Protein backbone atom coordinates (compact mmCIF):
# COMPACT_ATOMS: atom_id res chain seq x y z
CA MET A 1 267.60 -182.95 -108.37
CA GLU A 2 264.56 -181.08 -107.13
CA LYS A 3 261.38 -182.79 -108.40
CA SER A 4 257.89 -181.69 -107.79
CA LYS A 5 255.33 -184.29 -106.73
CA ASN A 6 253.24 -183.28 -109.71
CA GLN A 7 254.84 -184.19 -113.06
CA PHE A 8 253.27 -181.16 -114.71
CA TYR A 9 255.24 -178.78 -112.46
CA PRO A 10 258.74 -177.59 -113.49
CA ILE A 11 261.73 -179.77 -112.61
CA THR A 12 264.96 -178.06 -111.60
CA ILE A 13 268.33 -179.87 -111.75
CA LYS A 14 271.65 -178.55 -110.46
CA GLY A 15 275.13 -179.80 -111.22
CA ASN A 16 278.68 -179.07 -112.32
CA TYR A 17 279.52 -179.05 -115.99
CA ALA A 18 282.15 -178.76 -118.66
CA GLY A 19 281.64 -178.83 -122.46
CA LEU A 20 279.05 -177.59 -124.97
CA GLY A 21 275.67 -176.41 -123.61
CA SER A 22 273.66 -178.98 -125.63
CA GLU A 23 275.81 -181.80 -124.30
CA VAL A 24 275.50 -180.52 -120.74
CA ILE A 25 271.72 -180.41 -120.97
CA LYS A 26 271.59 -183.92 -122.50
CA ASN A 27 273.87 -185.29 -119.86
CA LEU A 28 271.93 -183.74 -117.00
CA ALA A 29 268.62 -184.97 -118.49
CA ASP A 30 269.97 -188.53 -119.01
CA ALA A 31 271.44 -188.64 -115.53
CA ASN A 32 268.21 -187.65 -113.95
CA GLY A 33 265.72 -189.61 -116.10
CA ILE A 34 264.31 -186.55 -117.97
CA ASP A 35 262.84 -187.45 -121.37
CA LEU A 36 263.60 -184.51 -123.72
CA ASN A 37 260.80 -185.73 -125.99
CA ILE A 38 258.35 -184.83 -123.24
CA TYR A 39 260.20 -181.92 -121.46
CA TYR A 40 261.75 -178.81 -122.81
CA VAL A 41 264.36 -176.43 -121.30
CA ASP A 42 262.55 -173.51 -119.76
CA MET A 43 265.49 -171.75 -117.98
CA ILE A 44 269.26 -172.08 -117.57
CA ARG A 45 271.42 -170.40 -114.92
CA VAL A 46 275.23 -170.71 -115.12
CA LYS A 47 277.53 -169.87 -112.20
CA GLU A 48 281.29 -169.68 -112.23
CA GLY A 49 283.22 -170.26 -109.05
CA SER A 50 286.96 -170.04 -108.22
CA TRP A 51 289.07 -170.36 -105.09
CA ASP A 52 292.71 -170.95 -104.03
CA VAL A 53 293.96 -174.31 -102.90
CA ALA A 54 297.16 -174.62 -100.76
CA ALA A 55 299.36 -177.75 -100.92
CA LYS A 56 302.94 -178.79 -100.11
CA GLN A 57 305.32 -178.27 -103.00
CA ARG A 58 306.81 -181.35 -104.48
CA ASP A 59 308.66 -182.53 -107.56
CA GLN A 60 307.72 -185.97 -108.83
CA GLU A 61 307.49 -188.23 -111.80
CA LEU A 62 305.62 -191.37 -110.96
CA LYS A 63 304.29 -194.23 -112.96
CA TRP A 64 301.95 -196.96 -111.86
CA THR A 65 302.03 -200.45 -113.45
CA ARG A 66 299.84 -203.48 -112.92
CA GLU A 67 301.40 -206.90 -112.40
CA GLU A 68 300.56 -210.15 -110.73
CA ASP A 69 302.34 -212.22 -108.01
CA GLU A 70 303.15 -215.88 -108.30
CA GLU A 71 299.61 -216.84 -107.19
CA GLY A 72 297.95 -214.56 -109.79
CA ASN A 73 296.95 -211.80 -107.36
CA PRO A 74 297.02 -208.25 -108.87
CA LEU A 75 299.75 -205.95 -107.81
CA GLN A 76 300.16 -202.23 -108.39
CA ILE A 77 303.80 -201.09 -108.59
CA MET A 78 304.91 -197.48 -108.51
CA THR A 79 308.16 -196.52 -110.25
CA GLY A 80 309.81 -193.15 -110.56
CA TYR A 81 310.80 -190.53 -108.00
CA SER A 82 309.15 -187.99 -105.67
CA LYS A 83 310.76 -185.20 -103.73
CA HIS A 84 308.85 -183.08 -101.18
CA PHE A 85 309.87 -179.49 -100.18
CA PRO A 86 309.03 -177.75 -96.91
CA GLU A 87 307.45 -174.79 -98.62
CA PHE A 88 303.72 -174.48 -99.43
CA MET A 89 302.42 -173.56 -102.89
CA VAL A 90 299.05 -171.96 -103.72
CA ASN A 91 297.15 -172.85 -106.92
CA PRO A 92 293.84 -171.46 -108.24
CA SER A 93 290.89 -173.86 -108.67
CA LYS A 94 287.88 -173.18 -110.82
CA THR A 95 284.51 -174.85 -111.36
CA ASN A 96 281.36 -174.11 -113.40
CA SER A 97 277.85 -175.02 -112.09
CA VAL A 98 274.63 -175.04 -113.95
CA GLU A 99 270.94 -174.93 -112.89
CA VAL A 100 268.46 -176.15 -115.60
CA THR A 101 264.69 -175.94 -115.22
CA PHE A 102 262.66 -178.34 -117.42
CA ARG A 103 259.00 -178.04 -118.11
CA ARG A 104 256.65 -180.66 -119.55
CA LYS A 105 255.59 -180.00 -123.07
CA PRO A 106 251.82 -179.26 -123.47
CA ILE A 107 250.02 -182.58 -123.08
CA GLU A 108 248.23 -182.19 -126.36
CA ALA A 109 251.54 -182.18 -128.19
CA ASN A 110 251.79 -185.91 -127.39
CA ILE A 111 248.19 -187.01 -127.00
CA LEU A 112 246.84 -185.33 -130.15
CA GLU A 113 249.50 -186.80 -132.40
CA SER A 114 248.93 -190.30 -131.02
CA PHE A 115 245.14 -189.80 -131.23
CA LYS A 116 245.43 -188.79 -134.91
CA GLU A 117 247.34 -192.02 -135.59
CA ILE A 118 244.64 -194.06 -133.79
CA ILE A 119 241.72 -192.59 -135.77
CA LYS A 120 243.23 -192.36 -139.22
CA ASP A 121 242.00 -195.79 -140.09
CA MET A 122 238.55 -195.34 -138.50
CA PRO A 123 235.86 -197.09 -140.53
CA VAL A 124 233.84 -194.69 -142.68
CA PHE A 125 230.23 -194.10 -141.54
CA ILE A 126 227.86 -196.01 -143.79
CA PRO A 127 224.28 -194.85 -143.20
CA PRO A 128 221.49 -197.46 -143.43
CA THR A 129 219.22 -197.29 -146.43
CA ILE A 130 216.53 -194.88 -145.44
CA THR A 131 214.12 -192.51 -147.15
CA LYS A 132 215.71 -189.16 -146.42
CA LYS A 133 213.45 -186.30 -145.71
CA VAL A 134 213.87 -183.59 -148.27
CA PRO A 135 214.87 -180.36 -146.51
CA GLY A 136 212.63 -177.32 -146.94
CA ASN A 137 213.44 -174.35 -149.10
CA ASN A 138 211.87 -171.85 -146.68
CA GLY A 139 214.90 -170.11 -145.36
CA VAL A 140 214.72 -171.93 -142.01
CA ALA A 141 217.70 -173.41 -140.13
CA GLY A 142 217.84 -175.27 -136.81
CA GLU A 143 220.36 -175.00 -133.99
CA LEU A 144 220.76 -177.77 -131.43
CA THR A 145 222.51 -176.46 -128.31
CA THR A 146 222.82 -179.03 -125.54
CA PHE A 147 225.43 -177.27 -123.41
CA ASP A 148 227.31 -178.11 -120.26
CA ALA A 149 226.37 -181.82 -120.14
CA HIS A 150 229.52 -182.60 -118.05
CA PHE A 151 229.68 -186.27 -118.96
CA GLY A 152 231.53 -188.04 -116.15
CA LYS A 153 230.30 -185.79 -113.36
CA LEU A 154 229.29 -187.71 -110.27
CA ALA A 155 226.60 -186.17 -107.97
CA ALA A 156 224.58 -187.84 -105.24
CA GLU A 157 221.14 -186.67 -104.16
CA ILE A 158 222.08 -187.61 -100.56
CA GLU A 159 224.89 -184.99 -100.67
CA THR A 160 223.24 -182.24 -102.71
CA GLY A 161 219.52 -182.55 -101.90
CA TYR A 162 218.71 -182.34 -105.59
CA ARG A 163 219.28 -185.34 -107.84
CA ASN A 164 221.70 -188.09 -108.74
CA TYR A 165 223.97 -187.79 -111.79
CA ASP A 166 226.49 -190.17 -113.33
CA LEU A 167 227.63 -191.30 -116.75
CA ASN A 168 224.59 -193.37 -117.46
CA ILE A 169 222.12 -190.68 -116.28
CA ALA A 170 224.02 -188.03 -118.33
CA THR A 171 223.67 -190.29 -121.42
CA LYS A 172 219.94 -190.71 -120.97
CA ASP A 173 219.44 -186.99 -120.28
CA TYR A 174 221.47 -186.00 -123.37
CA VAL A 175 219.65 -188.38 -125.71
CA TYR A 176 216.27 -187.40 -124.31
CA VAL A 177 216.85 -183.66 -124.67
CA SER A 178 218.35 -183.98 -128.15
CA ASP A 179 215.56 -186.21 -129.43
CA ARG A 180 212.81 -183.96 -128.05
CA ASN A 181 214.29 -180.85 -129.52
CA LEU A 182 214.82 -182.52 -132.91
CA ASP A 183 211.18 -183.58 -132.80
CA LEU A 184 210.11 -179.95 -132.12
CA MET A 185 212.38 -178.75 -134.92
CA ALA A 186 211.43 -181.27 -137.58
CA PRO A 187 207.92 -179.97 -138.56
CA HIS A 188 209.51 -176.68 -139.64
CA LYS A 189 211.51 -178.51 -142.29
CA PRO A 190 214.86 -176.76 -141.75
CA GLU A 191 217.30 -176.48 -144.66
CA LYS A 192 220.22 -177.09 -142.36
CA ILE A 193 220.96 -177.96 -138.69
CA PHE A 194 223.84 -176.43 -136.74
CA TYR A 195 224.90 -179.00 -134.06
CA ILE A 196 227.05 -177.36 -131.40
CA LEU A 197 229.62 -179.76 -129.92
CA GLY A 198 231.78 -179.23 -126.83
CA GLN A 199 230.81 -176.49 -124.45
CA ASP A 200 231.89 -178.58 -121.39
CA MET A 201 230.42 -181.76 -122.76
CA TYR A 202 233.10 -183.48 -120.64
CA HIS A 203 233.49 -182.87 -116.91
CA ILE A 204 237.25 -183.68 -117.01
CA ASP A 205 240.07 -183.36 -119.52
CA ASN A 206 242.76 -185.87 -118.39
CA MET A 207 243.47 -189.11 -116.52
CA ALA A 208 243.97 -187.29 -113.21
CA GLY A 209 240.30 -186.13 -113.13
CA HIS A 210 241.25 -182.52 -113.65
CA THR A 211 239.80 -179.73 -115.89
CA THR A 212 241.86 -178.35 -118.80
CA LYS A 213 243.98 -176.13 -116.60
CA GLY A 214 244.36 -178.75 -113.94
CA GLU A 215 243.07 -176.49 -111.22
CA HIS A 216 240.63 -178.83 -109.49
CA THR A 217 240.21 -182.53 -108.82
CA LEU A 218 236.53 -183.32 -109.41
CA ASP A 219 234.03 -185.96 -108.43
CA VAL A 220 234.10 -188.24 -111.47
CA ASP A 221 232.23 -191.35 -112.57
CA GLY A 222 234.78 -193.40 -114.47
CA ARG A 223 238.05 -193.06 -116.39
CA ILE A 224 238.37 -190.55 -119.15
CA THR A 225 238.69 -193.40 -121.64
CA LYS A 226 235.33 -194.82 -120.46
CA ILE A 227 233.76 -191.35 -120.83
CA HIS A 228 235.23 -190.98 -124.30
CA LYS A 229 233.53 -194.16 -125.55
CA LYS A 230 230.17 -193.20 -124.16
CA VAL A 231 230.31 -189.61 -125.48
CA PHE A 232 231.49 -190.68 -128.93
CA THR A 233 228.61 -193.16 -129.28
CA VAL A 234 226.00 -190.67 -128.04
CA SER A 235 227.28 -187.86 -130.34
CA LYS A 236 227.50 -189.91 -133.54
CA ASP A 237 224.02 -191.37 -133.02
CA ASN A 238 222.45 -187.98 -132.37
CA ILE A 239 224.24 -186.39 -135.33
CA HIS A 240 222.94 -189.20 -137.49
CA LYS A 241 219.38 -188.62 -136.27
CA ALA A 242 219.70 -184.92 -137.05
CA SER A 243 220.99 -185.72 -140.55
CA LYS A 244 217.75 -187.51 -141.35
CA ILE A 245 216.00 -184.17 -140.99
CA ALA A 246 218.50 -181.96 -142.78
CA PRO A 247 222.17 -181.65 -143.58
CA VAL A 248 224.17 -181.07 -140.37
CA GLU A 249 227.13 -178.83 -139.67
CA VAL A 250 228.87 -179.85 -136.41
CA ILE A 251 230.65 -176.89 -134.85
CA TRP A 252 233.23 -177.48 -132.05
CA ILE A 253 233.21 -174.84 -129.25
CA PRO A 254 235.56 -175.87 -126.39
CA GLY A 255 234.70 -175.34 -122.77
CA ASN A 256 236.85 -174.57 -119.78
CA HIS A 257 236.55 -178.15 -118.58
CA ASP A 258 237.18 -180.06 -121.81
CA PHE A 259 239.29 -178.26 -124.41
CA LEU A 260 241.38 -181.30 -125.30
CA ALA A 261 238.78 -184.01 -124.80
CA SER A 262 236.14 -182.29 -126.80
CA PHE A 263 238.62 -181.46 -129.58
CA MET A 264 239.56 -185.18 -129.87
CA LEU A 265 235.83 -186.01 -129.93
CA ALA A 266 235.25 -183.52 -132.77
CA LEU A 267 238.25 -184.90 -134.62
CA ALA A 268 236.99 -188.49 -134.27
CA LEU A 269 233.60 -187.51 -135.50
CA LYS A 270 235.05 -185.67 -138.49
CA GLU A 271 236.88 -188.89 -139.47
CA HIS A 272 233.84 -191.02 -138.82
CA PHE A 273 231.56 -188.91 -141.10
CA ARG A 274 234.32 -188.06 -143.63
CA ASN A 275 232.51 -189.65 -146.57
CA TYR A 276 228.97 -188.79 -145.54
CA SER A 277 227.96 -185.66 -147.42
CA ARG A 278 225.09 -184.74 -145.07
CA VAL A 279 227.50 -184.15 -142.08
CA THR A 280 230.45 -181.73 -141.93
CA VAL A 281 232.55 -181.00 -138.84
CA ASP A 282 234.28 -177.68 -138.12
CA ILE A 283 237.27 -178.33 -135.86
CA SER A 284 239.10 -175.04 -136.52
CA GLU A 285 241.00 -174.00 -133.37
CA ASN A 286 239.41 -170.58 -132.82
CA PRO A 287 237.35 -171.16 -129.60
CA ARG A 288 234.74 -168.72 -130.95
CA LYS A 289 232.89 -169.29 -134.16
CA ALA A 290 230.04 -167.67 -136.05
CA ARG A 291 227.67 -168.37 -138.95
CA LEU A 292 225.67 -166.06 -141.18
CA TRP A 293 222.17 -167.19 -142.19
CA GLY A 294 220.55 -164.67 -144.46
CA ASN A 295 220.76 -161.50 -142.41
CA LEU A 296 221.23 -163.30 -139.07
CA LEU A 297 224.63 -163.60 -137.49
CA VAL A 298 225.01 -166.10 -134.59
CA GLY A 299 228.28 -166.44 -132.71
CA TRP A 300 229.19 -169.09 -130.13
CA THR A 301 231.60 -168.80 -127.23
CA HIS A 302 231.74 -170.74 -123.99
CA ARG A 303 232.09 -167.78 -121.64
CA ILE A 304 230.95 -164.19 -121.56
CA VAL A 305 233.29 -162.52 -119.08
CA GLY A 306 234.22 -159.03 -118.15
CA LYS A 307 232.14 -156.07 -119.10
CA HIS A 308 229.06 -157.02 -121.17
CA THR A 309 229.41 -153.87 -123.26
CA VAL A 310 232.48 -155.27 -125.05
CA TRP A 311 230.72 -158.28 -126.52
CA SER A 312 229.15 -156.50 -129.41
CA ASN A 313 232.62 -155.23 -130.35
CA GLU A 314 233.96 -158.77 -129.96
CA LEU A 315 231.52 -160.17 -132.46
CA ALA A 316 232.23 -157.31 -134.88
CA GLN A 317 236.04 -157.61 -134.52
CA GLN A 318 236.24 -161.41 -134.75
CA PHE A 319 233.90 -161.64 -137.77
CA PRO A 320 233.86 -158.22 -139.57
CA LYS A 321 232.68 -159.52 -142.96
CA LEU A 322 229.75 -161.43 -141.40
CA TRP A 323 228.95 -158.44 -139.21
CA ALA A 324 228.79 -156.17 -142.22
CA ASP A 325 226.36 -158.52 -144.00
CA SER A 326 224.02 -159.04 -141.02
CA VAL A 327 221.05 -157.22 -139.40
CA PHE A 328 220.23 -159.53 -136.53
CA ARG A 329 223.17 -160.49 -134.29
CA GLU A 330 223.44 -162.86 -131.37
CA TRP A 331 225.94 -164.61 -129.05
CA HIS A 332 225.00 -168.06 -127.66
CA HIS A 333 227.15 -169.05 -124.69
CA GLY A 334 227.26 -171.54 -121.81
CA ASP A 335 229.43 -171.93 -118.72
CA GLN A 336 227.17 -170.32 -116.14
CA HIS A 337 224.73 -173.05 -115.02
CA LYS A 338 222.35 -170.57 -113.34
CA LYS A 339 219.49 -169.17 -115.37
CA THR A 340 219.58 -165.90 -113.43
CA ASP A 341 222.41 -164.23 -111.61
CA VAL A 342 223.48 -160.84 -110.37
CA LYS A 343 226.10 -160.54 -113.14
CA ILE A 344 224.76 -162.93 -115.75
CA THR A 345 221.13 -162.85 -117.04
CA PRO A 346 219.62 -165.30 -119.49
CA ILE A 347 219.25 -162.71 -122.25
CA PHE A 348 220.86 -159.29 -122.38
CA THR A 349 221.74 -156.95 -125.20
CA SER A 350 225.13 -155.44 -125.87
CA GLY A 351 225.37 -152.80 -128.58
CA GLY A 352 222.47 -154.34 -130.46
CA VAL A 353 223.74 -157.94 -130.02
CA ILE A 354 221.44 -160.33 -128.17
CA CYS A 355 223.46 -162.52 -125.80
CA ARG A 356 221.72 -165.72 -124.73
CA GLN A 357 222.93 -167.91 -121.93
CA ILE A 358 222.05 -171.51 -122.82
CA THR A 359 220.59 -173.78 -120.15
CA ALA A 360 223.07 -176.33 -118.68
CA LEU A 361 222.17 -180.00 -118.94
CA SER A 362 224.08 -181.14 -115.79
CA PRO A 363 222.52 -180.76 -112.41
CA VAL A 364 223.85 -179.43 -109.10
CA ASP A 365 226.82 -181.38 -107.63
CA LYS A 366 228.43 -181.19 -104.18
CA TRP A 367 230.73 -178.24 -105.11
CA HIS A 368 227.65 -176.26 -106.29
CA THR A 369 225.84 -177.16 -103.07
CA ASP A 370 228.78 -176.21 -100.86
CA ASN A 371 229.07 -172.84 -102.60
CA VAL A 372 225.32 -172.28 -102.79
CA PHE A 373 225.22 -172.27 -106.60
CA THR A 374 222.00 -174.12 -106.74
CA ASP A 375 219.65 -172.05 -108.91
CA ALA A 376 220.13 -174.04 -112.11
CA VAL A 377 217.29 -176.25 -113.52
CA PRO A 378 218.83 -178.79 -116.05
CA GLY A 379 217.74 -178.91 -119.58
CA GLY A 380 218.80 -178.46 -123.26
CA GLU A 381 217.82 -175.89 -125.89
CA ALA A 382 217.23 -175.52 -129.61
CA PHE A 383 216.51 -172.57 -131.92
CA LEU A 384 214.91 -171.99 -135.27
CA TRP A 385 216.43 -169.35 -137.56
CA SER A 386 214.90 -167.31 -140.39
CA LYS A 387 216.98 -165.73 -143.12
CA GLU A 388 214.75 -162.70 -143.00
CA GLU A 389 213.57 -162.45 -139.38
CA GLY A 390 216.41 -163.85 -137.29
CA VAL A 391 215.81 -166.25 -134.44
CA PHE A 392 212.06 -166.83 -134.29
CA ALA A 393 211.72 -169.80 -131.98
CA ASN A 394 213.48 -171.16 -128.83
CA PHE A 395 212.67 -174.65 -127.47
CA ILE A 396 213.78 -175.74 -123.98
CA THR A 397 213.48 -179.41 -122.94
CA TRP A 398 213.79 -179.68 -119.17
CA THR A 399 215.11 -182.83 -117.47
CA GLY A 400 213.84 -181.76 -114.07
CA GLN A 401 215.80 -180.88 -110.96
CA TYR A 402 214.76 -183.93 -108.90
CA ASP A 403 215.00 -187.52 -110.00
CA LYS A 404 211.26 -188.29 -109.56
CA ASN A 405 210.25 -185.33 -111.73
CA ARG A 406 212.90 -186.02 -114.27
CA ASN A 407 211.84 -189.64 -114.67
CA LYS A 408 208.17 -188.53 -114.88
CA LEU A 409 209.00 -186.21 -117.73
CA ILE A 410 211.11 -188.63 -119.62
CA ASN A 411 208.75 -191.60 -119.21
CA LYS A 412 205.80 -189.47 -120.29
CA HIS A 413 207.45 -188.52 -123.63
CA VAL A 414 208.94 -192.00 -124.19
CA ASN A 415 205.38 -193.53 -123.90
CA GLN A 416 204.00 -190.95 -126.22
CA ASP A 417 206.56 -191.75 -128.87
CA LYS A 418 205.79 -195.47 -128.79
């Protein structure tokens, strides 16, 4: 058997066979420890071989019997006759060989099912007794877009020259940015808040410390399970805070780092808030989503790649009905941590569609430093929408590129809020 060192790579097994194909595959899998609940058959190659075998001709009729001697020792006794001839005889010999390649089933096929079982009995969210603010009726909606938080990323100022970042710092940054932007949004009394979840909220997507495609091993602060617990707590608390201002629609947009992890987060939040009417969660699997607010159409995607000129077409083709009913149209995307770039600019237009690159929360890490991708200044954004005038306000809460400046900003606002 030829096995790759990485269990996610294909496994190829070779051997001789006889019988039905399904039995052959099962026998090969059993003999080599391949679990067919986890792996599937990707390719089968069958080869037939034949050759001639020469042997002395003989005529015989022999029979073996098993007996014991007087002391009980086993004896094998041959009876019959055997006659050998001087001539040789030639007989054909035939064999069949098979080469089967197994591939591991997509990991979500196992993890998602088990995760659904885990969360199906999750306690229902019971909000404390509070005086809820009555949302306005002024045609205003809010959008909270804290993108590219990369919970679990590990960065050291001594390596990057910028600032430290770990799970605890990411938590403080995320809460600070979300709280500040909600505070800026609240006086406008929005009728609804769109809370965008995902967008590389996680730095890794599996136990091995890899992204969704498994292309890179990253610098990580903690196990994925530890990160899950922290991110779930932060998300549910922030969503609850937002729901005190206005009803909240949570919209899942996966990133290239965290497709599976962020989906499971969204699924857990959907179950947690399932009986709370002020929070709904959209976990539909289209990685791009859009909403119409009056005559404003806003779409979300993680990446804008390729020619910029196609993105107006993409919004129209993905959401033709919403496109037809809109006047103002925008894409809000993440991924690129830089606020300016030769190919990506913070705001550009494509066929009448405004494309806004949202600021990344996470700071520079060693990989960014090594590749001189160091232009980003961390922060989080929020928007205010009008049913008649489109997006009319954009708030950016910076966390600061260096630790001293970041702490100065955060401490200043924390003291003001006391």
